């Protein structure tokens, strides 16, 4: 974001330069972590990828569950007690990532200028103006900029074809929903999210890892029945020739 913001500030009037500096400062890590938090669940549109079998599925011995698209349906107004959430694909192309961040900043500047011109007398006082810019950035403009940051990734990871489900908000709004669990010796905060895979038609298929033992397909079907999942959906083995070391 910093590079895009500095590029836009070149040649802009003082109000826009100050606003862009305020935005950039807000997104510095020490300031950012105090005002916003986010939680991410990662999925993939690639059903059979060697790198992901190695990294996320017990070195090819695990399973990949294909879930129905309806589980990623996001509503405009969450139900009472539920947090707002966002779902979308990750961008791996640098030019595309910078381009959409530029579009978000362009729109932010337009909103800022309109608000300033409509409230010129109020924001003319420096103390009021700075507070106004910070509030405007935090409450109305941060979400699309943060979304772009959270869904951009280095091109080396493009093979993952990742989709992210994101929950974000102020620490005050999120803290009542945050729980913790142990991962090894590490305490990991998380927000529980419903993923009702046992409901009918919510599992589209399951792919067995390329290094899973013989008979894993049969054993998996038996386990699913013990969990009350009796519907018929494809269970197939990865087509990648691979043996775990």
Protein backbone atom coordinates (compact mmCIF):
# COMPACT_ATOMS: atom_id res chain seq x y z
CA UNK A 1 0.00 0.00 0.00
CA UNK A 2 2.81 2.43 0.84
CA UNK A 3 4.22 2.47 -2.70
CA UNK A 4 0.80 3.07 -4.25
CA UNK A 5 -0.01 5.81 -1.74
CA UNK A 6 3.29 7.63 -2.29
CA UNK A 7 2.81 7.49 -6.05
CA UNK A 8 -0.65 9.05 -5.76
CA UNK A 9 0.63 11.77 -3.43
CA UNK A 10 3.06 13.08 -6.05
CA UNK A 11 1.53 16.22 -7.52
CA UNK A 12 -1.62 16.02 -5.38
CA UNK A 13 -2.86 18.98 -3.35
CA UNK A 14 -1.94 19.28 0.33
CA UNK A 15 -5.27 17.94 1.58
CA UNK A 16 -4.90 14.73 -0.40
CA UNK A 17 -1.26 14.35 0.60
CA UNK A 18 -2.16 14.71 4.27
CA UNK A 19 -5.02 12.24 3.92
CA UNK A 20 -2.81 9.67 2.18
CA UNK A 21 -0.16 10.07 4.89
CA UNK A 22 -2.87 9.52 7.52
CA UNK A 23 -4.01 6.35 5.76
CA UNK A 24 -0.45 5.06 5.40
CA UNK A 25 0.31 5.79 9.04
CA UNK A 26 -2.85 4.00 10.14
CA UNK A 27 -1.67 0.88 8.34
CA UNK A 28 1.72 0.80 10.05
CA UNK A 29 1.78 -2.39 12.08
CA UNK A 30 2.00 -0.81 15.58
CA UNK A 31 -1.06 1.34 14.80
CA UNK A 32 -2.93 -1.22 12.73
CA UNK A 33 -2.91 -3.98 15.34
CA UNK A 34 -4.55 -1.71 17.89
CA UNK A 35 -7.49 -0.75 15.69
CA UNK A 36 -8.29 -3.85 13.60
CA UNK A 37 -8.01 -7.61 13.85
CA UNK A 38 -8.75 -10.32 11.32
CA UNK A 39 -9.11 -14.09 11.19
CA UNK A 40 -8.63 -16.11 8.01
CA UNK A 41 -9.64 -19.59 6.85
CA UNK A 42 -7.88 -20.74 3.69
CA UNK A 43 -9.28 -23.06 1.01
CA UNK A 44 -8.08 -24.11 -2.43
CA UNK A 45 -9.73 -24.45 -5.83
CA UNK A 46 -7.01 -26.94 -6.84
CA UNK A 47 -8.25 -30.42 -6.00
CA UNK A 48 -4.98 -32.34 -6.57
CA UNK A 49 -1.81 -30.31 -6.03
CA UNK A 50 1.50 -31.89 -5.04
CA UNK A 51 2.72 -28.92 -3.01
CA UNK A 52 -0.41 -28.88 -0.90
CA UNK A 53 -0.35 -32.65 -0.32
CA UNK A 54 3.15 -32.21 1.02
CA UNK A 55 2.50 -29.13 3.15
CA UNK A 56 -1.02 -29.65 4.48
CA UNK A 57 -1.96 -33.34 4.20
CA UNK A 58 0.56 -35.39 6.19
CA UNK A 59 3.02 -35.57 3.30
CA UNK A 60 0.48 -37.02 0.88
CA UNK A 61 -1.14 -39.46 3.31
CA UNK A 62 -4.19 -37.32 4.07
CA UNK A 63 -7.39 -36.36 2.30
CA UNK A 64 -8.77 -33.32 0.47
CA UNK A 65 -12.45 -32.57 1.02
CA UNK A 66 -14.27 -30.80 -1.80
CA UNK A 67 -17.10 -28.72 -0.35
CA UNK A 68 -20.21 -27.32 -1.97
CA UNK A 69 -20.11 -23.68 -3.15
CA UNK A 70 -23.17 -22.89 -1.03
CA UNK A 71 -20.98 -23.05 2.07
CA UNK A 72 -19.20 -19.91 0.86
CA UNK A 73 -22.35 -17.87 0.36
CA UNK A 74 -21.90 -14.51 2.10
CA UNK A 75 -24.92 -12.41 3.07
CA UNK A 76 -25.07 -8.62 3.17
CA UNK A 77 -26.54 -8.56 6.68
CA UNK A 78 -25.30 -11.28 9.05
CA UNK A 79 -27.76 -12.83 11.47
CA UNK A 80 -27.95 -11.41 14.97
CA UNK A 81 -24.89 -12.38 16.96
CA UNK A 82 -22.89 -13.26 13.83
CA UNK A 83 -19.86 -11.33 12.62
CA UNK A 84 -19.52 -9.87 9.10
CA UNK A 85 -17.46 -12.10 6.82
CA UNK A 86 -15.95 -11.88 3.36
CA UNK A 87 -14.95 -14.59 0.89
CA UNK A 88 -12.90 -14.24 -2.28
CA UNK A 89 -9.99 -15.57 -4.33
CA UNK A 90 -6.38 -14.61 -3.71
CA UNK A 91 -4.58 -12.50 -6.34
CA UNK A 92 -1.04 -13.60 -7.23
CA UNK A 93 -0.20 -11.12 -9.99
CA UNK A 94 1.72 -8.09 -8.67
CA UNK A 95 0.37 -5.66 -11.28
CA UNK A 96 -3.20 -6.74 -10.57
CA UNK A 97 -2.69 -6.46 -6.81
CA UNK A 98 -1.23 -2.94 -7.11
CA UNK A 99 -3.91 -1.94 -9.60
CA UNK A 100 -6.85 -2.82 -7.41
CA UNK A 101 -5.18 -1.16 -4.42
CA UNK A 102 -4.82 1.97 -6.53
CA UNK A 103 -8.52 1.82 -7.40
CA UNK A 104 -9.40 1.54 -3.70
CA UNK A 105 -7.23 4.52 -2.83
CA UNK A 106 -8.69 6.55 -5.71
CA UNK A 107 -12.17 5.90 -4.35
CA UNK A 108 -11.00 6.74 -0.82
CA UNK A 109 -9.64 10.09 -1.97
CA UNK A 110 -12.91 10.90 -3.77
CA UNK A 111 -14.93 10.16 -0.63
CA UNK A 112 -12.51 12.23 1.44
CA UNK A 113 -12.66 15.27 -0.85
CA UNK A 114 -16.46 15.16 -0.99
CA UNK A 115 -16.66 14.94 2.81
CA UNK A 116 -14.16 17.78 3.30
CA UNK A 117 -15.92 20.09 0.86
CA UNK A 118 -19.28 19.38 2.49
CA UNK A 119 -17.87 20.12 5.96
CA UNK A 120 -15.20 22.70 5.17
CA UNK A 121 -15.78 24.88 8.23
CA UNK A 122 -15.70 21.95 10.64
CA UNK A 123 -12.51 20.35 9.35
CA UNK A 124 -10.59 23.60 8.86
CA UNK A 125 -9.30 23.38 12.45
CA UNK A 126 -6.15 21.18 12.37
CA UNK A 127 -7.06 19.12 15.44
CA UNK A 128 -10.56 18.46 14.14
CA UNK A 129 -9.33 17.79 10.62
CA UNK A 130 -6.83 15.12 11.66
CA UNK A 131 -9.39 13.36 13.87
CA UNK A 132 -11.92 13.56 11.02
CA UNK A 133 -9.50 11.97 8.54
CA UNK A 134 -8.61 9.20 10.97
CA UNK A 135 -12.25 8.43 11.70
CA UNK A 136 -13.17 8.50 8.00
CA UNK A 137 -10.31 6.18 7.10
CA UNK A 138 -10.99 3.78 9.94
CA UNK A 139 -14.76 3.55 9.68
CA UNK A 140 -15.49 3.73 5.95
CA UNK A 141 -12.35 3.27 3.87
CA UNK A 142 -10.22 0.68 5.62
CA UNK A 143 -12.23 -2.41 4.69
CA UNK A 144 -11.54 -2.55 0.92
CA UNK A 145 -7.87 -1.65 1.40
CA UNK A 146 -7.41 -4.33 4.06
CA UNK A 147 -9.30 -6.82 1.92
CA UNK A 148 -6.90 -6.21 -0.96
CA UNK A 149 -3.93 -6.75 1.36
CA UNK A 150 -5.34 -9.94 2.84
CA UNK A 151 -6.10 -11.45 -0.56
CA UNK A 152 -2.77 -10.71 -2.30
CA UNK A 153 0.06 -13.23 -2.25
CA UNK A 154 3.47 -13.84 -3.83
CA UNK A 155 3.30 -15.41 -7.33
CA UNK A 156 5.27 -18.43 -6.05
CA UNK A 157 2.08 -19.59 -4.33
CA UNK A 158 -0.15 -19.30 -7.41
CA UNK A 159 -0.41 -23.08 -7.71
CA UNK A 160 -2.52 -23.12 -4.52
CA UNK A 161 -5.40 -21.20 -6.18
CA UNK A 162 -6.41 -20.06 -2.73
CA UNK A 163 -9.79 -18.75 -1.61
CA UNK A 164 -9.94 -16.96 1.74
CA UNK A 165 -12.79 -16.58 4.18
CA UNK A 166 -12.08 -13.49 6.29
CA UNK A 167 -13.65 -12.17 9.47
CA UNK A 168 -12.39 -8.76 10.55
CA UNK A 169 -13.35 -5.93 12.83
CA UNK A 170 -12.24 -3.88 15.80
CA UNK A 171 -10.79 -5.77 18.79
CA UNK A 172 -13.81 -4.71 20.85
CA UNK A 173 -16.25 -6.35 18.42
CA UNK A 174 -14.23 -9.52 17.88
CA UNK A 175 -12.99 -10.26 21.40
CA UNK A 176 -16.28 -11.81 22.68
CA UNK A 177 -16.03 -14.38 19.84
CA UNK A 178 -12.35 -15.25 20.16
CA UNK A 179 -11.35 -18.62 21.66
CA UNK A 180 -7.95 -20.29 21.96
CA UNK A 181 -6.56 -23.77 21.34
CA UNK A 182 -3.19 -25.45 21.55
CA UNK A 183 -1.17 -26.29 18.42
CA UNK A 184 1.84 -28.11 19.77
CA UNK A 185 3.15 -25.73 22.42
CA UNK A 186 1.63 -22.65 20.75
CA UNK A 187 -1.58 -20.97 21.93
CA UNK A 188 -3.60 -20.07 18.83
CA UNK A 189 -6.57 -17.65 18.90
CA UNK A 190 -9.48 -18.46 16.59
CA UNK A 191 -13.14 -17.69 15.90
CA UNK A 192 -15.42 -20.70 15.49
CA UNK A 193 -17.23 -20.73 12.15
CA UNK A 194 -19.99 -23.09 11.12
CA UNK A 195 -18.98 -25.57 8.41
CA UNK A 196 -21.81 -28.15 8.47
CA UNK A 197 -20.17 -30.87 6.38
CA UNK A 198 -22.44 -33.58 7.73
CA UNK A 199 -25.47 -32.03 6.07
CA UNK A 200 -26.58 -33.59 2.82
CA UNK A 201 -24.93 -32.32 -0.38
CA UNK A 202 -22.38 -30.23 1.49
CA UNK A 203 -19.50 -32.55 0.55
CA UNK A 204 -18.98 -32.63 -3.22
CA UNK A 205 -16.12 -35.16 -3.26
CA UNK A 206 -13.12 -36.41 -1.32
CA UNK A 207 -9.70 -36.98 -2.88
CA UNK A 208 -7.39 -39.48 -1.20
CA UNK A 209 -3.74 -38.45 -0.96
CA UNK A 210 -1.19 -40.01 -3.33
CA UNK A 211 0.74 -41.61 -0.45
CA UNK A 212 -2.27 -42.92 1.50
CA UNK A 213 -2.17 -46.68 2.22
CA UNK A 214 -4.00 -49.19 0.05
CA UNK A 215 -7.64 -49.50 1.04
CA UNK A 216 -7.85 -45.92 2.34
CA UNK A 217 -10.90 -45.28 0.15
CA UNK A 218 -12.80 -48.16 1.76
CA UNK A 219 -11.73 -47.18 5.27
CA UNK A 220 -12.78 -43.58 4.62
CA UNK A 221 -16.26 -44.64 3.51
CA UNK A 222 -16.61 -46.72 6.68
CA UNK A 223 -15.57 -43.79 8.84
CA UNK A 224 -18.04 -41.47 7.10
CA UNK A 225 -20.90 -43.89 7.75
CA UNK A 226 -19.94 -44.04 11.43
CA UNK A 227 -20.35 -40.25 11.47
CA UNK A 228 -23.79 -40.45 9.90
CA UNK A 229 -22.67 -39.35 6.44
CA UNK A 230 -24.26 -41.97 4.20
CA UNK A 231 -24.84 -40.09 0.93
CA UNK A 232 -22.92 -41.20 -2.13
CA UNK A 233 -20.37 -38.77 -3.52
CA UNK A 234 -17.12 -39.47 -5.40
CA UNK A 235 -14.12 -40.71 -3.45
CA UNK A 236 -11.07 -40.98 -5.69
CA UNK A 237 -7.33 -41.18 -5.30
CA UNK A 238 -4.90 -38.47 -6.35
CA UNK A 239 -3.46 -39.01 -9.79
CA UNK A 240 -0.01 -37.77 -8.81
CA UNK A 241 2.74 -40.42 -8.79
CA UNK A 242 4.24 -39.81 -5.39
CA UNK A 243 5.60 -41.71 -2.42
CA UNK A 244 6.11 -40.16 0.99
CA UNK A 245 9.68 -40.53 2.25
